[in-house]
Amino acid sequence: MWKDKKKLSLYDFERAGALQILNYLWENRNKGKIKITDIVKNVKATSETITGAITFLTQNSLTQEEKAQTFPYQHWVWLTPKGEVAAKHLQQFLEALKSN
């Protein structure tokens, strides 16, 4: 789908929610695995958009997911080491936006 032999570009990350998700996971990295319901509550995108963005991030080794096989069917997401590096760089971008 997204992960093929082409090199990822900024265009690939312009999808709704992807950068917000990376930022949210970075800001909450001390919590470990984050419930997808928490992401849906804190990221400005629909749950379908968030699910698609998380799939994209996971397929590109920036996040990992775990889904419970039994009730209650919970879904957790967290940054991989590669995702942590990308999210850390995103923080520099956000800081630059804050400065005059």
Protein backbone atom coordinates (compact mmCIF):
# COMPACT_ATOMS: atom_id res chain seq x y z
CA MET A 1 0.00 0.00 0.00
CA TRP A 2 2.31 2.81 1.18
CA LYS A 3 5.35 0.79 2.00
CA ASP A 4 6.78 -0.18 -1.33
CA LYS A 5 10.10 0.38 -2.99
CA LYS A 6 9.61 4.14 -3.30
CA LYS A 7 11.20 6.42 -0.77
CA LEU A 8 8.82 8.09 1.65
CA SER A 9 8.33 11.81 1.13
CA LEU A 10 6.74 14.68 3.01
CA TYR A 11 3.69 14.22 0.79
CA ASP A 12 3.10 10.83 2.41
CA PHE A 13 2.89 12.49 5.84
CA GLU A 14 0.43 15.16 4.76
CA ARG A 15 -2.37 12.69 5.37
CA ALA A 16 -4.76 13.90 8.03
CA GLY A 17 -3.77 13.08 11.55
CA ALA A 18 -0.40 11.39 10.99
CA LEU A 19 1.74 14.19 12.40
CA GLN A 20 -0.76 14.89 15.18
CA ILE A 21 -0.60 11.22 16.16
CA LEU A 22 3.19 11.21 16.20
CA ASN A 23 3.13 14.33 18.36
CA TYR A 24 0.50 12.92 20.75
CA LEU A 25 2.41 9.66 21.16
CA TRP A 26 5.64 11.60 21.79
CA GLU A 27 4.03 13.81 24.42
CA ASN A 28 2.61 10.73 26.17
CA ARG A 29 5.53 8.35 25.63
CA ASN A 30 6.04 7.96 29.37
CA LYS A 31 2.66 6.17 29.53
CA GLY A 32 3.91 3.40 27.24
CA LYS A 33 1.11 1.90 25.19
CA ILE A 34 -1.65 4.42 24.44
CA LYS A 35 -5.26 3.36 23.92
CA ILE A 36 -6.56 4.32 20.52
CA THR A 37 -9.62 5.80 22.25
CA ASP A 38 -7.29 8.33 23.92
CA ILE A 39 -5.83 9.23 20.54
CA VAL A 40 -9.31 9.69 19.06
CA LYS A 41 -10.22 12.03 21.95
CA ASN A 42 -7.08 14.15 21.56
CA VAL A 43 -6.38 14.31 17.82
CA LYS A 44 -8.48 16.53 15.56
CA ALA A 45 -9.57 13.91 13.04
CA THR A 46 -12.29 11.30 12.69
CA SER A 47 -11.74 7.85 14.13
CA GLU A 48 -11.62 6.41 10.59
CA THR A 49 -8.93 8.92 9.61
CA ILE A 50 -6.96 8.12 12.75
CA THR A 51 -7.20 4.40 12.09
CA GLY A 52 -5.91 4.91 8.55
CA ALA A 53 -3.08 7.14 9.72
CA ILE A 54 -2.04 4.62 12.39
CA THR A 55 -2.04 1.88 9.77
CA PHE A 56 0.21 4.07 7.61
CA LEU A 57 2.56 4.81 10.52
CA THR A 58 2.72 1.14 11.53
CA GLN A 59 3.37 -0.02 7.96
CA ASN A 60 6.29 2.41 7.85
CA SER A 61 7.74 1.24 11.19
CA LEU A 62 7.00 4.44 13.11
CA THR A 63 4.42 2.90 15.45
CA GLN A 64 3.48 -0.51 16.73
CA GLU A 65 0.00 -1.74 17.54
CA GLU A 66 -1.52 -4.35 19.76
CA LYS A 67 -5.16 -5.42 19.70
CA ALA A 68 -6.86 -7.47 22.41
CA GLN A 69 -8.36 -10.69 21.06
CA THR A 70 -11.01 -10.89 23.76
CA PHE A 71 -13.54 -8.53 25.29
CA PRO A 72 -13.02 -5.69 26.00
CA TYR A 73 -11.49 -5.31 22.53
CA GLN A 74 -8.87 -2.68 23.19
CA HIS A 75 -6.36 -1.31 20.72
CA TRP A 76 -3.03 0.18 21.81
CA VAL A 77 -0.42 2.14 19.87
CA TRP A 78 3.11 3.27 20.73
CA LEU A 79 6.17 4.73 19.02
CA THR A 80 8.96 2.53 17.73
CA PRO A 81 12.57 3.77 18.10
CA LYS A 82 12.31 5.06 14.51
CA GLY A 83 9.03 6.80 15.41
CA GLU A 84 10.64 8.39 18.45
CA VAL A 85 13.37 9.90 16.27
CA ALA A 86 10.79 11.27 13.81
CA ALA A 87 8.57 12.61 16.60
CA LYS A 88 11.54 14.25 18.31
CA HIS A 89 12.36 16.11 15.10
CA LEU A 90 8.72 17.13 14.84
CA GLN A 91 9.11 18.85 18.23
CA GLN A 92 11.83 21.07 16.75
CA PHE A 93 9.45 22.06 13.97
CA LEU A 94 6.71 22.88 16.49
CA GLU A 95 9.14 24.96 18.58
CA ALA A 96 10.12 26.92 15.47
CA LEU A 97 6.46 27.75 14.89
CA LYS A 98 6.21 29.20 18.41
CA SER A 99 9.15 31.58 17.99
CA ASN A 100 8.73 35.00 16.44
